[in-house]
PDB file of N, CA and C in Angstrom:
ATOM      1  N   MET A   1     264.545-127.203 -27.628  1.00  0.00           N
ATOM      2  CA  MET A   1     264.962-127.987 -28.772  1.00  0.00           C
ATOM      3  C   MET A   1     263.864-127.948 -29.828  1.00  0.00           C
ATOM      4  N   ALA A   2     264.262-127.703 -31.069  1.00  0.00           N
ATOM      5  CA  ALA A   2     263.297-127.630 -32.171  1.00  0.00           C
ATOM      6  C   ALA A   2     263.125-129.011 -32.788  1.00  0.00           C
ATOM      7  N   TYR A   3     261.900-129.332 -33.065  1.00  0.00           N
ATOM      8  CA  TYR A   3     261.602-130.611 -33.708  1.00  0.00           C
ATOM      9  C   TYR A   3     261.219-130.369 -35.163  1.00  0.00           C
ATOM     10  N   ASN A   4     261.698-131.242 -36.023  1.00  0.00           N
ATOM     11  CA  ASN A   4     261.304-131.153 -37.429  1.00  0.00           C
ATOM     12  C   ASN A   4     259.898-131.693 -37.576  1.00  0.00           C
ATOM     13  N   LYS A   5     259.051-130.900 -38.169  1.00  0.00           N
ATOM     14  CA  LYS A   5     257.683-131.338 -38.401  1.00  0.00           C
ATOM     15  C   LYS A   5     257.627-132.057 -39.748  1.00  0.00           C
ATOM     16  N   PRO A   6     257.098-133.269 -39.773  1.00  0.00           N
ATOM     17  CA  PRO A   6     257.051-133.984 -41.053  1.00  0.00           C
ATOM     18  C   PRO A   6     256.137-133.273 -42.045  1.00  0.00           C
ATOM     19  N   LYS A   7     256.510-133.381 -43.301  1.00  0.00           N
ATOM     20  CA  LYS A   7     255.690-132.800 -44.352  1.00  0.00           C
ATOM     21  C   LYS A   7     254.407-133.606 -44.477  1.00  0.00           C
ATOM     22  N   PRO A   8     253.305-132.949 -44.806  1.00  0.00           N
ATOM     23  CA  PRO A   8     252.058-133.692 -45.003  1.00  0.00           C
ATOM     24  C   PRO A   8     252.190-134.671 -46.166  1.00  0.00           C
ATOM     25  N   ASP A   9     251.515-135.781 -46.053  1.00  0.00           N
ATOM     26  CA  ASP A   9     251.550-136.809 -47.092  1.00  0.00           C
ATOM     27  C   ASP A   9     250.778-136.326 -48.310  1.00  0.00           C
ATOM     28  N   ASP A  10     251.486-136.106 -49.418  1.00  0.00           N
ATOM     29  CA  ASP A  10     250.847-135.665 -50.656  1.00  0.00           C
ATOM     30  C   ASP A  10     250.796-136.837 -51.626  1.00  0.00           C
ATOM     31  N   ARG A  11     249.638-137.455 -51.711  1.00  0.00           N
ATOM     32  CA  ARG A  11     249.471-138.617 -52.575  1.00  0.00           C
ATOM     33  C   ARG A  11     248.784-138.254 -53.887  1.00  0.00           C
ATOM     34  N   SER A  12     248.608-136.985 -54.149  1.00  0.00           N
ATOM     35  CA  SER A  12     247.801-136.554 -55.287  1.00  0.00           C
ATOM     36  C   SER A  12     248.343-137.013 -56.635  1.00  0.00           C
ATOM     37  N   ASP A  13     249.653-137.218 -56.733  1.00  0.00           N
ATOM     38  CA  ASP A  13     250.206-137.619 -58.028  1.00  0.00           C
ATOM     39  C   ASP A  13     250.816-139.027 -58.004  1.00  0.00           C
ATOM     40  N   ASN A  14     250.480-139.821 -57.005  1.00  0.00           N
ATOM     41  CA  ASN A  14     251.043-141.170 -56.903  1.00  0.00           C
ATOM     42  C   ASN A  14     250.681-142.046 -58.102  1.00  0.00           C
ATOM     43  N   VAL A  15     249.451-141.947 -58.587  1.00  0.00           N
ATOM     44  CA  VAL A  15     249.039-142.779 -59.720  1.00  0.00           C
ATOM     45  C   VAL A  15     249.922-142.473 -60.923  1.00  0.00           C
ATOM     46  N   GLU A  16     250.135-141.196 -61.199  1.00  0.00           N
ATOM     47  CA  GLU A  16     250.954-140.807 -62.341  1.00  0.00           C
ATOM     48  C   GLU A  16     252.401-141.267 -62.166  1.00  0.00           C
ATOM     49  N   LYS A  17     252.929-141.118 -60.957  1.00  0.00           N
ATOM     50  CA  LYS A  17     254.301-141.550 -60.699  1.00  0.00           C
ATOM     51  C   LYS A  17     254.445-143.060 -60.889  1.00  0.00           C
ATOM     52  N   LEU A  18     253.485-143.809 -60.376  1.00  0.00           N
ATOM     53  CA  LEU A  18     253.529-145.265 -60.512  1.00  0.00           C
ATOM     54  C   LEU A  18     253.400-145.685 -61.969  1.00  0.00           C
ATOM     55  N   GLN A  19     252.531-145.022 -62.713  1.00  0.00           N
ATOM     56  CA  GLN A  19     252.386-145.343 -64.134  1.00  0.00           C
ATOM     57  C   GLN A  19     253.693-145.081 -64.884  1.00  0.00           C
ATOM     58  N   GLU A  20     254.363-144.009 -64.542  1.00  0.00           N
ATOM     59  CA  GLU A  20     255.651-143.696 -65.157  1.00  0.00           C
ATOM     60  C   GLU A  20     256.692-144.765 -64.800  1.00  0.00           C
ATOM     61  N   MET A  21     256.666-145.226 -63.559  1.00  0.00           N
ATOM     62  CA  MET A  21     257.586-146.282 -63.137  1.00  0.00           C
ATOM     63  C   MET A  21     257.328-147.572 -63.919  1.00  0.00           C
ATOM     64  N   VAL A  22     256.060-147.917 -64.128  1.00  0.00           N
ATOM     65  CA  VAL A  22     255.720-149.107 -64.910  1.00  0.00           C
ATOM     66  C   VAL A  22     256.246-148.946 -66.333  1.00  0.00           C
ATOM     67  N   HIS A  23     255.999-147.792 -66.919  1.00  0.00           N
ATOM     68  CA  HIS A  23     256.454-147.520 -68.287  1.00  0.00           C
ATOM     69  C   HIS A  23     257.972-147.656 -68.392  1.00  0.00           C
ATOM     70  N   ASN A  24     258.700-147.055 -67.444  1.00  0.00           N
ATOM     71  CA  ASN A  24     260.166-147.123 -67.460  1.00  0.00           C
ATOM     72  C   ASN A  24     260.652-148.556 -67.285  1.00  0.00           C
ATOM     73  N   THR A  25     260.004-149.307 -66.431  1.00  0.00           N
ATOM     74  CA  THR A  25     260.403-150.699 -66.199  1.00  0.00           C
ATOM     75  C   THR A  25     260.188-151.529 -67.456  1.00  0.00           C
ATOM     76  N   ILE A  26     259.091-151.308 -68.135  1.00  0.00           N
ATOM     77  CA  ILE A  26     258.829-152.028 -69.391  1.00  0.00           C
ATOM     78  C   ILE A  26     259.889-151.664 -70.429  1.00  0.00           C
ATOM     79  N   GLU A  27     260.229-150.394 -70.511  1.00  0.00           N
ATOM     80  CA  GLU A  27     261.282-149.977 -71.453  1.00  0.00           C
ATOM     81  C   GLU A  27     262.609-150.666 -71.113  1.00  0.00           C
ATOM     82  N   ASN A  28     262.940-150.741 -69.833  1.00  0.00           N
ATOM     83  CA  ASN A  28     264.176-151.414 -69.416  1.00  0.00           C
ATOM     84  C   ASN A  28     264.151-152.885 -69.792  1.00  0.00           C
ATOM     85  N   MET A  29     262.998-153.520 -69.648  1.00  0.00           N
ATOM     86  CA  MET A  29     262.872-154.920 -70.021  1.00  0.00           C
ATOM     87  C   MET A  29     263.111-155.097 -71.520  1.00  0.00           C
ATOM     88  N   GLU A  30     262.513-154.227 -72.304  1.00  0.00           N
ATOM     89  CA  GLU A  30     262.661-154.314 -73.761  1.00  0.00           C
ATOM     90  C   GLU A  30     264.118-154.100 -74.178  1.00  0.00           C
ATOM     91  N   GLU A  31     264.782-153.138 -73.550  1.00  0.00           N
ATOM     92  CA  GLU A  31     266.187-152.898 -73.860  1.00  0.00           C
ATOM     93  C   GLU A  31     267.039-154.109 -73.468  1.00  0.00           C
ATOM     94  N   ALA A  32     266.739-154.697 -72.334  1.00  0.00           N
ATOM     95  CA  ALA A  32     267.479-155.879 -71.881  1.00  0.00           C
ATOM     96  C   ALA A  32     267.269-157.039 -72.849  1.00  0.00           C
ATOM     97  N   GLU A  33     266.028-157.212 -73.295  1.00  0.00           N
ATOM     98  CA  GLU A  33     265.736-158.288 -74.263  1.00  0.00           C
ATOM     99  C   GLU A  33     266.541-158.083 -75.544  1.00  0.00           C
ATOM    100  N   ALA A  34     266.664-156.837 -75.982  1.00  0.00           N
ATOM    101  CA  ALA A  34     267.405-156.539 -77.205  1.00  0.00           C
ATOM    102  C   ALA A  34     268.887-156.876 -77.047  1.00  0.00           C
ATOM    103  N   THR A  35     269.430-156.695 -75.854  1.00  0.00           N
ATOM    104  CA  THR A  35     270.853-156.980 -75.643  1.00  0.00           C
ATOM    105  C   THR A  35     271.129-158.475 -75.524  1.00  0.00           C
ATOM    106  N   MET A  36     270.103-159.265 -75.300  1.00  0.00           N
ATOM    107  CA  MET A  36     270.294-160.710 -75.136  1.00  0.00           C
ATOM    108  C   MET A  36     270.880-161.348 -76.397  1.00  0.00           C
ATOM    109  N   GLU A  37     270.577-160.771 -77.543  1.00  0.00           N
ATOM    110  CA  GLU A  37     271.062-161.315 -78.811  1.00  0.00           C
ATOM    111  C   GLU A  37     272.589-161.377 -78.841  1.00  0.00           C
ATOM    112  N   PHE A  38     273.240-160.427 -78.178  1.00  0.00           N
ATOM    113  CA  PHE A  38     274.697-160.319 -78.220  1.00  0.00           C
ATOM    114  C   PHE A  38     275.358-160.790 -76.923  1.00  0.00           C
ATOM    115  N   ALA A  39     274.575-161.329 -76.007  1.00  0.00           N
ATOM    116  CA  ALA A  39     275.083-161.696 -74.687  1.00  0.00           C
ATOM    117  C   ALA A  39     275.513-163.158 -74.637  1.00  0.00           C
ATOM    118  N   SER A  40     276.365-163.439 -73.684  1.00  0.00           N
ATOM    119  CA  SER A  40     276.778-164.829 -73.453  1.00  0.00           C
ATOM    120  C   SER A  40     275.623-165.577 -72.788  1.00  0.00           C
ATOM    121  N   GLU A  41     275.768-166.876 -72.676  1.00  0.00           N
ATOM    122  CA  GLU A  41     274.709-167.682 -72.065  1.00  0.00           C
ATOM    123  C   GLU A  41     274.456-167.265 -70.613  1.00  0.00           C
ATOM    124  N   ASP A  42     275.531-167.008 -69.862  1.00  0.00           N
ATOM    125  CA  ASP A  42     275.384-166.561 -68.473  1.00  0.00           C
ATOM    126  C   ASP A  42     274.680-165.212 -68.402  1.00  0.00           C
ATOM    127  N   GLU A  43     275.090-164.297 -69.276  1.00  0.00           N
ATOM    128  CA  GLU A  43     274.459-162.975 -69.298  1.00  0.00           C
ATOM    129  C   GLU A  43     272.993-163.074 -69.669  1.00  0.00           C
ATOM    130  N   ARG A  44     272.659-163.947 -70.613  1.00  0.00           N
ATOM    131  CA  ARG A  44     271.242-164.135 -70.987  1.00  0.00           C
ATOM    132  C   ARG A  44     270.438-164.657 -69.806  1.00  0.00           C
ATOM    133  N   ALA A  45     271.018-165.573 -69.048  1.00  0.00           N
ATOM    134  CA  ALA A  45     270.319-166.100 -67.868  1.00  0.00           C
ATOM    135  C   ALA A  45     270.102-165.000 -66.834  1.00  0.00           C
ATOM    136  N   ASN A  46     271.120-164.155 -66.644  1.00  0.00           N
ATOM    137  CA  ASN A  46     270.986-163.043 -65.694  1.00  0.00           C
ATOM    138  C   ASN A  46     269.927-162.048 -66.151  1.00  0.00           C
ATOM    139  N   ILE A  47     269.920-161.744 -67.443  1.00  0.00           N
ATOM    140  CA  ILE A  47     268.923-160.813 -67.996  1.00  0.00           C
ATOM    141  C   ILE A  47     267.523-161.387 -67.834  1.00  0.00           C
ATOM    142  N   ALA A  48     267.367-162.669 -68.140  1.00  0.00           N
ATOM    143  CA  ALA A  48     266.053-163.311 -68.013  1.00  0.00           C
ATOM    144  C   ALA A  48     265.578-163.280 -66.560  1.00  0.00           C
ATOM    145  N   ALA A  49     266.486-163.552 -65.623  1.00  0.00           N
ATOM    146  CA  ALA A  49     266.119-163.527 -64.202  1.00  0.00           C
ATOM    147  C   ALA A  49     265.724-162.116 -63.766  1.00  0.00           C
ATOM    148  N   LYS A  50     266.478-161.139 -64.231  1.00  0.00           N
ATOM    149  CA  LYS A  50     266.171-159.753 -63.863  1.00  0.00           C
ATOM    150  C   LYS A  50     264.825-159.333 -64.446  1.00  0.00           C
ATOM    151  N   ASN A  51     264.549-159.735 -65.679  1.00  0.00           N
ATOM    152  CA  ASN A  51     263.260-159.394 -66.279  1.00  0.00           C
ATOM    153  C   ASN A  51     262.109-160.093 -65.564  1.00  0.00           C
ATOM    154  N   ASP A  52     262.341-161.291 -65.060  1.00  0.00           N
ATOM    155  CA  ASP A  52     261.308-161.954 -64.251  1.00  0.00           C
ATOM    156  C   ASP A  52     261.009-161.127 -63.000  1.00  0.00           C
ATOM    157  N   ARG A  53     262.065-160.636 -62.360  1.00  0.00           N
ATOM    158  CA  ARG A  53     261.859-159.789 -61.171  1.00  0.00           C
ATOM    159  C   ARG A  53     261.148-158.494 -61.553  1.00  0.00           C
ATOM    160  N   ARG A  54     261.477-157.964 -62.719  1.00  0.00           N
ATOM    161  CA  ARG A  54     260.804-156.745 -63.184  1.00  0.00           C
ATOM    162  C   ARG A  54     259.315-157.002 -63.401  1.00  0.00           C
ATOM    163  N   ARG A  55     258.970-158.156 -63.972  1.00  0.00           N
ATOM    164  CA  ARG A  55     257.551-158.493 -64.178  1.00  0.00           C
ATOM    165  C   ARG A  55     256.815-158.542 -62.846  1.00  0.00           C
ATOM    166  N   GLU A  56     257.440-159.134 -61.836  1.00  0.00           N
ATOM    167  CA  GLU A  56     256.825-159.182 -60.502  1.00  0.00           C
ATOM    168  C   GLU A  56     256.638-157.777 -59.954  1.00  0.00           C
ATOM    169  N   SER A  57     257.629-156.926 -60.149  1.00  0.00           N
ATOM    170  CA  SER A  57     257.534-155.543 -59.678  1.00  0.00           C
ATOM    171  C   SER A  57     256.393-154.812 -60.377  1.00  0.00           C
ATOM    172  N   ILE A  58     256.261-155.041 -61.671  1.00  0.00           N
ATOM    173  CA  ILE A  58     255.182-154.396 -62.432  1.00  0.00           C
ATOM    174  C   ILE A  58     253.827-154.822 -61.891  1.00  0.00           C
ATOM    175  N   GLU A  59     253.678-156.103 -61.582  1.00  0.00           N
ATOM    176  CA  GLU A  59     252.408-156.570 -61.006  1.00  0.00           C
ATOM    177  C   GLU A  59     252.105-155.829 -59.712  1.00  0.00           C
ATOM    178  N   GLY A  60     253.115-155.685 -58.858  1.00  0.00           N
ATOM    179  CA  GLY A  60     252.929-154.965 -57.598  1.00  0.00           C
ATOM    180  C   GLY A  60     252.594-153.507 -57.813  1.00  0.00           C
ATOM    181  N   MET A  61     253.287-152.871 -58.765  1.00  0.00           N
ATOM    182  CA  MET A  61     253.017-151.457 -59.048  1.00  0.00           C
ATOM    183  C   MET A  61     251.605-151.279 -59.595  1.00  0.00           C
ATOM    184  N   ARG A  62     251.162-152.197 -60.443  1.00  0.00           N
ATOM    185  CA  ARG A  62     249.803-152.080 -60.997  1.00  0.00           C
ATOM    186  C   ARG A  62     248.751-152.251 -59.896  1.00  0.00           C
ATOM    187  N   ALA A  63     249.004-153.137 -58.951  1.00  0.00           N
ATOM    188  CA  ALA A  63     248.083-153.281 -57.819  1.00  0.00           C
ATOM    189  C   ALA A  63     248.069-152.002 -56.989  1.00  0.00           C
ATOM    190  N   GLU A  64     249.239-151.409 -56.802  1.00  0.00           N
ATOM    191  CA  GLU A  64     249.318-150.164 -56.050  1.00  0.00           C
ATOM    192  C   GLU A  64     248.633-149.023 -56.793  1.00  0.00           C
ATOM    193  N   ILE A  65     248.728-149.009 -58.126  1.00  0.00           N
ATOM    194  CA  ILE A  65     248.031-147.995 -58.923  1.00  0.00           C
ATOM    195  C   ILE A  65     246.532-148.090 -58.673  1.00  0.00           C
ATOM    196  N   LYS A  66     245.997-149.307 -58.684  1.00  0.00           N
ATOM    197  CA  LYS A  66     244.568-149.490 -58.432  1.00  0.00           C
ATOM    198  C   LYS A  66     244.187-148.979 -57.050  1.00  0.00           C
ATOM    199  N   ASP A  67     245.009-149.306 -56.040  1.00  0.00           N
ATOM    200  CA  ASP A  67     244.734-148.842 -54.677  1.00  0.00           C
ATOM    201  C   ASP A  67     244.771-147.317 -54.593  1.00  0.00           C
ATOM    202  N   GLU A  68     245.785-146.730 -55.203  1.00  0.00           N
ATOM    203  CA  GLU A  68     245.912-145.275 -55.161  1.00  0.00           C
ATOM    204  C   GLU A  68     244.770-144.600 -55.917  1.00  0.00           C
ATOM    205  N   TYR A  69     244.364-145.184 -57.034  1.00  0.00           N
ATOM    206  CA  TYR A  69     243.256-144.617 -57.802  1.00  0.00           C
ATOM    207  C   TYR A  69     241.976-144.632 -56.959  1.00  0.00           C
ATOM    208  N   ARG A  70     241.737-145.773 -56.303  1.00  0.00           N
ATOM    209  CA  ARG A  70     240.549-145.859 -55.427  1.00  0.00           C
ATOM    210  C   ARG A  70     240.628-144.827 -54.313  1.00  0.00           C
ATOM    211  N   ALA A  71     241.814-144.660 -53.748  1.00  0.00           N
ATOM    212  CA  ALA A  71     241.992-143.673 -52.676  1.00  0.00           C
ATOM    213  C   ALA A  71     241.709-142.267 -53.188  1.00  0.00           C
ATOM    214  N   GLN A  72     242.174-141.956 -54.405  1.00  0.00           N
ATOM    215  CA  GLN A  72     241.886-140.639 -55.000  1.00  0.00           C
ATOM    216  C   GLN A  72     240.391-140.445 -55.141  1.00  0.00           C
ATOM    217  N   GLN A  73     239.701-141.478 -55.637  1.00  0.00           N
ATOM    218  CA  GLN A  73     238.264-141.365 -55.848  1.00  0.00           C
ATOM    219  C   GLN A  73     237.521-141.160 -54.539  1.00  0.00           C
ATOM    220  N   ASN A  74     238.062-141.677 -53.450  1.00  0.00           N
ATOM    221  CA  ASN A  74     237.435-141.542 -52.130  1.00  0.00           C
ATOM    222  C   ASN A  74     237.950-140.313 -51.375  1.00  0.00           C
ATOM    223  N   GLY A  75     238.699-139.488 -52.048  1.00  0.00           N
ATOM    224  CA  GLY A  75     239.227-138.288 -51.409  1.00  0.00           C
ATOM    225  C   GLY A  75     240.286-138.605 -50.373  1.00  0.00           C
ATOM    226  N   PHE A  76     240.964-139.737 -50.506  1.00  0.00           N
ATOM    227  CA  PHE A  76     242.027-140.190 -49.609  1.00  0.00           C
ATOM    228  C   PHE A  76     241.530-140.390 -48.193  1.00  0.00           C
ATOM    229  N   LYS A  77     240.256-140.689 -48.047  1.00  0.00           N
ATOM    230  CA  LYS A  77     239.706-140.942 -46.717  1.00  0.00           C
ATOM    231  C   LYS A  77     239.968-142.395 -46.349  1.00  0.00           C
ATOM    232  N   THR A  78     240.358-142.599 -45.111  1.00  0.00           N
ATOM    233  CA  THR A  78     240.559-143.965 -44.630  1.00  0.00           C
ATOM    234  C   THR A  78     239.266-144.458 -44.003  1.00  0.00           C
ATOM    235  N   GLU A  79     239.025-145.740 -44.179  1.00  0.00           N
ATOM    236  CA  GLU A  79     237.793-146.300 -43.660  1.00  0.00           C
ATOM    237  C   GLU A  79     237.919-146.725 -42.238  1.00  0.00           C
TER     238      GLU A  79
END
């Protein structure tokens, strides 16, 4: 029986990917804010709640960017 060998973990571009995700999330927030002007009260509440969740996600992504950057600087060596 043949076993699938997992691909090696390539973290070399994680910082760039995470930065792009942050940028896209911010753009989505801005677009959502722009639509609030034409939204009903319920829709505005939903948009505001979703943007709050997006802000939390951005905080997590920024923390992960810092971790990944440090890992890059250390040559991805684990301590």
